[in-house]
Amino acid sequence: MLSKIHIFGASGSGTTTIGKSVAEKLGYSHFDTDNYFWFPTKEPFTEARPTEERLRLIQADLLHVDNWVLSGSLNGWGDPLIPLFELVIFVYVPHDERIRRLKIREHERYGDDISLGGARHEATNEFIEWAAGYDAGISSRNFPKHEKWMAELKCPVLKIQNDKLDDSICAAIKAIKGGV
């Protein structure tokens, strides 16, 4: 039985949305790495937790449930969690689609504050620029690093291209090792 699933990809690839959906359809608990990486601050995603604290918090949650889906990237800080994974799903979305999604998400989160002169304008532009460097290996979270990381995993790795979310992801998970 595959009961410990990690779903990751570039920012804007839909890992959180997919993770929540897969967890719901399978009756699993869902956790997202952003909730451990970042302190819950008034201005979100601005203050990172120390690595040791992230790991302590995430391990405490993961070790207390039998079936879970963990979404989001932990490459570079979450290697102690690798032995827990029974399946890793890498979600790839083409560059232009990811950036389009990210711009929509930023607008949904911050509204007009991301427009020129708005309080979030500069931060949003910096974030989009950082995310745009993924495929070329420019940003701190990037495709070459993810490829290297996946090559070193001992558990099965499922690579999907996600231009749209559908039930084929759950079907693919169920097909691996006889299903969940």
C-alpha atoms as a PDB file:
ATOM      1  CA  MET A   1       0.000   0.000   0.000  1.00  0.00           C
ATOM      2  CA  LEU A   2       1.272   3.451  -0.919  1.00  0.00           C
ATOM      3  CA  SER A   3       0.320   5.602   2.023  1.00  0.00           C
ATOM      4  CA  LYS A   4       3.050   8.264   2.134  1.00  0.00           C
ATOM      5  CA  ILE A   5       3.120  10.388  -1.009  1.00  0.00           C
ATOM      6  CA  HIS A   6       5.181  13.473  -1.768  1.00  0.00           C
ATOM      7  CA  ILE A   7       4.074  15.744  -4.645  1.00  0.00           C
ATOM      8  CA  PHE A   8       6.398  18.510  -5.801  1.00  0.00           C
ATOM      9  CA  GLY A   9       7.329  20.720  -8.744  1.00  0.00           C
ATOM     10  CA  ALA A  10       8.040  24.296  -9.664  1.00  0.00           C
ATOM     11  CA  SER A  11       6.148  27.133  -8.093  1.00  0.00           C
ATOM     12  CA  GLY A  12       2.876  27.410 -10.022  1.00  0.00           C
ATOM     13  CA  SER A  13       2.810  23.772 -11.127  1.00  0.00           C
ATOM     14  CA  GLY A  14      -0.211  23.028  -8.957  1.00  0.00           C
ATOM     15  CA  THR A  15       1.342  20.780  -6.325  1.00  0.00           C
ATOM     16  CA  THR A  16      -0.790  22.151  -3.490  1.00  0.00           C
ATOM     17  CA  THR A  17      -4.008  21.907  -5.502  1.00  0.00           C
ATOM     18  CA  ILE A  18      -3.136  18.392  -6.674  1.00  0.00           C
ATOM     19  CA  GLY A  19      -2.010  17.368  -3.186  1.00  0.00           C
ATOM     20  CA  LYS A  20      -5.270  18.495  -1.611  1.00  0.00           C
ATOM     21  CA  SER A  21      -7.330  16.804  -4.309  1.00  0.00           C
ATOM     22  CA  VAL A  22      -5.426  13.505  -4.183  1.00  0.00           C
ATOM     23  CA  ALA A  23      -5.545  13.444  -0.374  1.00  0.00           C
ATOM     24  CA  GLU A  24      -9.282  14.095  -0.390  1.00  0.00           C
ATOM     25  CA  LYS A  25      -9.996  11.429  -3.024  1.00  0.00           C
ATOM     26  CA  LEU A  26      -7.879   8.839  -1.208  1.00  0.00           C
ATOM     27  CA  GLY A  27      -9.048   9.782   2.296  1.00  0.00           C
ATOM     28  CA  TYR A  28      -5.521  10.826   3.317  1.00  0.00           C
ATOM     29  CA  SER A  29      -4.303  13.744   5.399  1.00  0.00           C
ATOM     30  CA  HIS A  30      -2.772  16.618   3.436  1.00  0.00           C
ATOM     31  CA  PHE A  31       0.230  18.700   4.474  1.00  0.00           C
ATOM     32  CA  ASP A  32       1.984  21.470   2.532  1.00  0.00           C
ATOM     33  CA  THR A  33       5.650  22.376   2.899  1.00  0.00           C
ATOM     34  CA  ASP A  34       4.917  26.127   2.814  1.00  0.00           C
ATOM     35  CA  ASN A  35       3.191  25.762   6.190  1.00  0.00           C
ATOM     36  CA  TYR A  36       6.461  24.522   7.660  1.00  0.00           C
ATOM     37  CA  PHE A  37       8.933  26.598   5.661  1.00  0.00           C
ATOM     38  CA  TRP A  38       7.375  29.978   6.443  1.00  0.00           C
ATOM     39  CA  PHE A  39       6.395  31.557   9.742  1.00  0.00           C
ATOM     40  CA  PRO A  40       2.714  32.600   9.732  1.00  0.00           C
ATOM     41  CA  THR A  41       3.261  36.350   9.463  1.00  0.00           C
ATOM     42  CA  LYS A  42       0.921  39.225   8.631  1.00  0.00           C
ATOM     43  CA  GLU A  43       2.723  39.575   5.302  1.00  0.00           C
ATOM     44  CA  PRO A  44       2.831  35.904   4.174  1.00  0.00           C
ATOM     45  CA  PHE A  45       5.895  34.160   2.732  1.00  0.00           C
ATOM     46  CA  THR A  46       8.367  36.695   4.093  1.00  0.00           C
ATOM     47  CA  GLU A  47      10.032  35.036   7.088  1.00  0.00           C
ATOM     48  CA  ALA A  48      11.487  31.538   6.791  1.00  0.00           C
ATOM     49  CA  ARG A  49      11.695  29.222   9.774  1.00  0.00           C
ATOM     50  CA  PRO A  50      15.073  27.720  10.655  1.00  0.00           C
ATOM     51  CA  THR A  51      15.548  24.330   8.984  1.00  0.00           C
ATOM     52  CA  GLU A  52      15.650  22.409  12.268  1.00  0.00           C
ATOM     53  CA  GLU A  53      12.321  23.862  13.349  1.00  0.00           C
ATOM     54  CA  ARG A  54      10.717  23.090   9.953  1.00  0.00           C
ATOM     55  CA  LEU A  55      11.842  19.481  10.181  1.00  0.00           C
ATOM     56  CA  ARG A  56      10.724  19.087  13.776  1.00  0.00           C
ATOM     57  CA  LEU A  57       7.240  20.413  12.971  1.00  0.00           C
ATOM     58  CA  ILE A  58       6.750  18.444   9.772  1.00  0.00           C
ATOM     59  CA  GLN A  59       8.043  15.186  11.264  1.00  0.00           C
ATOM     60  CA  ALA A  60       5.717  15.583  14.234  1.00  0.00           C
ATOM     61  CA  ASP A  61       2.747  15.834  11.855  1.00  0.00           C
ATOM     62  CA  LEU A  62       3.779  13.127   9.384  1.00  0.00           C
ATOM     63  CA  LEU A  63       4.687  10.564  12.016  1.00  0.00           C
ATOM     64  CA  HIS A  64       1.270  10.801  13.686  1.00  0.00           C
ATOM     65  CA  VAL A  65      -0.858   9.802  10.702  1.00  0.00           C
ATOM     66  CA  ASP A  66      -0.768   6.609   8.663  1.00  0.00           C
ATOM     67  CA  ASN A  67      -1.786   7.968   5.246  1.00  0.00           C
ATOM     68  CA  TRP A  68      -0.669  11.333   3.961  1.00  0.00           C
ATOM     69  CA  VAL A  69       0.132  13.483   0.964  1.00  0.00           C
ATOM     70  CA  LEU A  70       2.848  16.099   1.366  1.00  0.00           C
ATOM     71  CA  SER A  71       2.816  18.779  -1.309  1.00  0.00           C
ATOM     72  CA  GLY A  72       5.449  21.374  -2.139  1.00  0.00           C
ATOM     73  CA  SER A  73       9.182  21.468  -2.555  1.00  0.00           C
ATOM     74  CA  LEU A  74      11.501  20.472   0.261  1.00  0.00           C
ATOM     75  CA  ASN A  75      14.567  19.992  -1.917  1.00  0.00           C
ATOM     76  CA  GLY A  76      17.571  21.464  -0.150  1.00  0.00           C
ATOM     77  CA  TRP A  77      16.200  21.229   3.387  1.00  0.00           C
ATOM     78  CA  GLY A  78      13.952  18.192   3.763  1.00  0.00           C
ATOM     79  CA  ASP A  79      16.256  15.296   2.943  1.00  0.00           C
ATOM     80  CA  PRO A  80      15.732  13.665   6.382  1.00  0.00           C
ATOM     81  CA  LEU A  81      12.121  13.044   5.243  1.00  0.00           C
ATOM     82  CA  ILE A  82      13.096  11.049   2.125  1.00  0.00           C
ATOM     83  CA  PRO A  83      13.040   7.632   3.869  1.00  0.00           C
ATOM     84  CA  LEU A  84       9.345   8.208   4.680  1.00  0.00           C
ATOM     85  CA  PHE A  85       8.276   8.522   1.025  1.00  0.00           C
ATOM     86  CA  GLU A  86       6.652   5.526  -0.647  1.00  0.00           C
ATOM     87  CA  LEU A  87       5.918   7.469  -3.833  1.00  0.00           C
ATOM     88  CA  VAL A  88       7.127  10.795  -5.185  1.00  0.00           C
ATOM     89  CA  ILE A  89       5.165  12.606  -7.875  1.00  0.00           C
ATOM     90  CA  PHE A  90       6.901  15.316  -9.875  1.00  0.00           C
ATOM     91  CA  VAL A  91       4.550  17.769 -11.570  1.00  0.00           C
ATOM     92  CA  TYR A  92       5.855  19.633 -14.591  1.00  0.00           C
ATOM     93  CA  VAL A  93       4.012  22.512 -16.207  1.00  0.00           C
ATOM     94  CA  PRO A  94       5.438  24.422 -19.188  1.00  0.00           C
ATOM     95  CA  HIS A  95       7.022  27.755 -18.336  1.00  0.00           C
ATOM     96  CA  ASP A  96       4.449  30.109 -19.900  1.00  0.00           C
ATOM     97  CA  GLU A  97       1.516  28.309 -18.265  1.00  0.00           C
ATOM     98  CA  ARG A  98       3.206  28.329 -14.835  1.00  0.00           C
ATOM     99  CA  ILE A  99       3.935  32.046 -15.025  1.00  0.00           C
ATOM    100  CA  ARG A 100       0.362  32.744 -16.140  1.00  0.00           C
ATOM    101  CA  ARG A 101      -0.932  30.750 -13.145  1.00  0.00           C
ATOM    102  CA  LEU A 102       1.393  32.534 -10.748  1.00  0.00           C
ATOM    103  CA  LYS A 103       0.265  35.968 -11.933  1.00  0.00           C
ATOM    104  CA  ILE A 104      -3.364  34.952 -11.449  1.00  0.00           C
ATOM    105  CA  ARG A 105      -2.604  33.536  -8.000  1.00  0.00           C
ATOM    106  CA  GLU A 106      -0.752  36.684  -6.947  1.00  0.00           C
ATOM    107  CA  HIS A 107      -3.691  38.815  -8.067  1.00  0.00           C
ATOM    108  CA  GLU A 108      -6.143  36.557  -6.200  1.00  0.00           C
ATOM    109  CA  ARG A 109      -4.037  36.836  -3.030  1.00  0.00           C
ATOM    110  CA  TYR A 110      -3.163  40.520  -3.115  1.00  0.00           C
ATOM    111  CA  GLY A 111      -5.568  42.198  -5.530  1.00  0.00           C
ATOM    112  CA  ASP A 112      -4.593  45.649  -6.742  1.00  0.00           C
ATOM    113  CA  ASP A 113      -1.656  45.742  -4.315  1.00  0.00           C
ATOM    114  CA  ILE A 114       0.399  43.989  -7.019  1.00  0.00           C
ATOM    115  CA  SER A 115      -0.220  46.692  -9.640  1.00  0.00           C
ATOM    116  CA  LEU A 116       2.240  49.498 -10.285  1.00  0.00           C
ATOM    117  CA  GLY A 117       2.498  51.579  -7.156  1.00  0.00           C
ATOM    118  CA  GLY A 118       0.787  48.960  -5.003  1.00  0.00           C
ATOM    119  CA  ALA A 119       2.284  47.716  -1.739  1.00  0.00           C
ATOM    120  CA  ARG A 120       3.053  44.254  -3.232  1.00  0.00           C
ATOM    121  CA  HIS A 121       4.179  45.374  -6.702  1.00  0.00           C
ATOM    122  CA  GLU A 122       7.928  44.986  -6.190  1.00  0.00           C
ATOM    123  CA  ALA A 123       7.664  41.774  -4.156  1.00  0.00           C
ATOM    124  CA  THR A 124       5.379  40.198  -6.766  1.00  0.00           C
ATOM    125  CA  ASN A 125       7.707  41.134  -9.622  1.00  0.00           C
ATOM    126  CA  GLU A 126      10.687  39.674  -7.728  1.00  0.00           C
ATOM    127  CA  PHE A 127       8.756  36.473  -7.030  1.00  0.00           C
ATOM    128  CA  ILE A 128       7.675  36.064 -10.667  1.00  0.00           C
ATOM    129  CA  GLU A 129      11.248  36.684 -11.831  1.00  0.00           C
ATOM    130  CA  TRP A 130      12.534  34.078  -9.343  1.00  0.00           C
ATOM    131  CA  ALA A 131       9.910  31.527 -10.466  1.00  0.00           C
ATOM    132  CA  ALA A 132      10.680  32.208 -14.145  1.00  0.00           C
ATOM    133  CA  GLY A 133      14.262  31.008 -13.598  1.00  0.00           C
ATOM    134  CA  TYR A 134      13.132  27.462 -12.743  1.00  0.00           C
ATOM    135  CA  ASP A 135      13.541  25.759 -16.125  1.00  0.00           C
ATOM    136  CA  ALA A 136      16.859  27.439 -16.901  1.00  0.00           C
ATOM    137  CA  GLY A 137      18.326  26.467 -13.530  1.00  0.00           C
ATOM    138  CA  ILE A 138      18.671  30.079 -12.422  1.00  0.00           C
ATOM    139  CA  SER A 139      16.483  30.185  -9.311  1.00  0.00           C
ATOM    140  CA  SER A 140      17.241  28.471  -6.008  1.00  0.00           C
ATOM    141  CA  ARG A 141      14.480  25.925  -6.729  1.00  0.00           C
ATOM    142  CA  ASN A 142      15.102  24.720 -10.258  1.00  0.00           C
ATOM    143  CA  PHE A 143      14.563  21.905 -12.736  1.00  0.00           C
ATOM    144  CA  PRO A 144      18.167  20.617 -12.834  1.00  0.00           C
ATOM    145  CA  LYS A 145      18.225  20.348  -9.019  1.00  0.00           C
ATOM    146  CA  HIS A 146      14.890  18.555  -9.018  1.00  0.00           C
ATOM    147  CA  GLU A 147      16.062  16.107 -11.711  1.00  0.00           C
ATOM    148  CA  LYS A 148      19.212  15.318  -9.699  1.00  0.00           C
ATOM    149  CA  TRP A 149      17.206  14.893  -6.492  1.00  0.00           C
ATOM    150  CA  MET A 150      14.707  12.523  -8.151  1.00  0.00           C
ATOM    151  CA  ALA A 151      17.515  10.403  -9.593  1.00  0.00           C
ATOM    152  CA  GLU A 152      18.780   9.714  -6.073  1.00  0.00           C
ATOM    153  CA  LEU A 153      15.420   8.604  -4.624  1.00  0.00           C
ATOM    154  CA  LYS A 154      14.905   4.933  -3.741  1.00  0.00           C
ATOM    155  CA  CYS A 155      11.088   4.988  -3.994  1.00  0.00           C
ATOM    156  CA  PRO A 156       9.059   5.057  -7.223  1.00  0.00           C
ATOM    157  CA  VAL A 157       8.873   8.447  -8.977  1.00  0.00           C
ATOM    158  CA  LEU A 158       5.902   9.346 -11.137  1.00  0.00           C
ATOM    159  CA  LYS A 159       6.464  12.280 -13.509  1.00  0.00           C
ATOM    160  CA  ILE A 160       3.392  14.021 -14.831  1.00  0.00           C
ATOM    161  CA  GLN A 161       2.790  17.032 -17.001  1.00  0.00           C
ATOM    162  CA  ASN A 162      -0.064  19.023 -15.567  1.00  0.00           C
ATOM    163  CA  ASP A 163      -1.648  21.515 -17.910  1.00  0.00           C
ATOM    164  CA  LYS A 164      -4.936  20.742 -16.197  1.00  0.00           C
ATOM    165  CA  LEU A 165      -5.935  18.753 -13.128  1.00  0.00           C
ATOM    166  CA  ASP A 166      -7.830  15.507 -13.713  1.00  0.00           C
ATOM    167  CA  ASP A 167      -8.504  12.131 -12.120  1.00  0.00           C
ATOM    168  CA  SER A 168      -5.698  10.425 -14.070  1.00  0.00           C
ATOM    169  CA  ILE A 169      -3.304  11.279 -11.233  1.00  0.00           C
ATOM    170  CA  CYS A 170      -5.245   9.174  -8.704  1.00  0.00           C
ATOM    171  CA  ALA A 171      -5.586   6.392 -11.277  1.00  0.00           C
ATOM    172  CA  ALA A 172      -1.815   6.413 -11.826  1.00  0.00           C
ATOM    173  CA  ILE A 173      -1.178   6.290  -8.071  1.00  0.00           C
ATOM    174  CA  LYS A 174      -3.554   3.347  -7.686  1.00  0.00           C
ATOM    175  CA  ALA A 175      -1.849   1.509 -10.543  1.00  0.00           C
ATOM    176  CA  ILE A 176       1.592   1.638  -8.887  1.00  0.00           C
ATOM    177  CA  LYS A 177       2.272  -1.462  -6.769  1.00  0.00           C
ATOM    178  CA  GLY A 178      -1.281  -2.677  -7.007  1.00  0.00           C
ATOM    179  CA  GLY A 179      -2.924   0.457  -5.727  1.00  0.00           C
ATOM    180  CA  VAL A 180      -3.658   2.201  -2.501  1.00  0.00           C
END
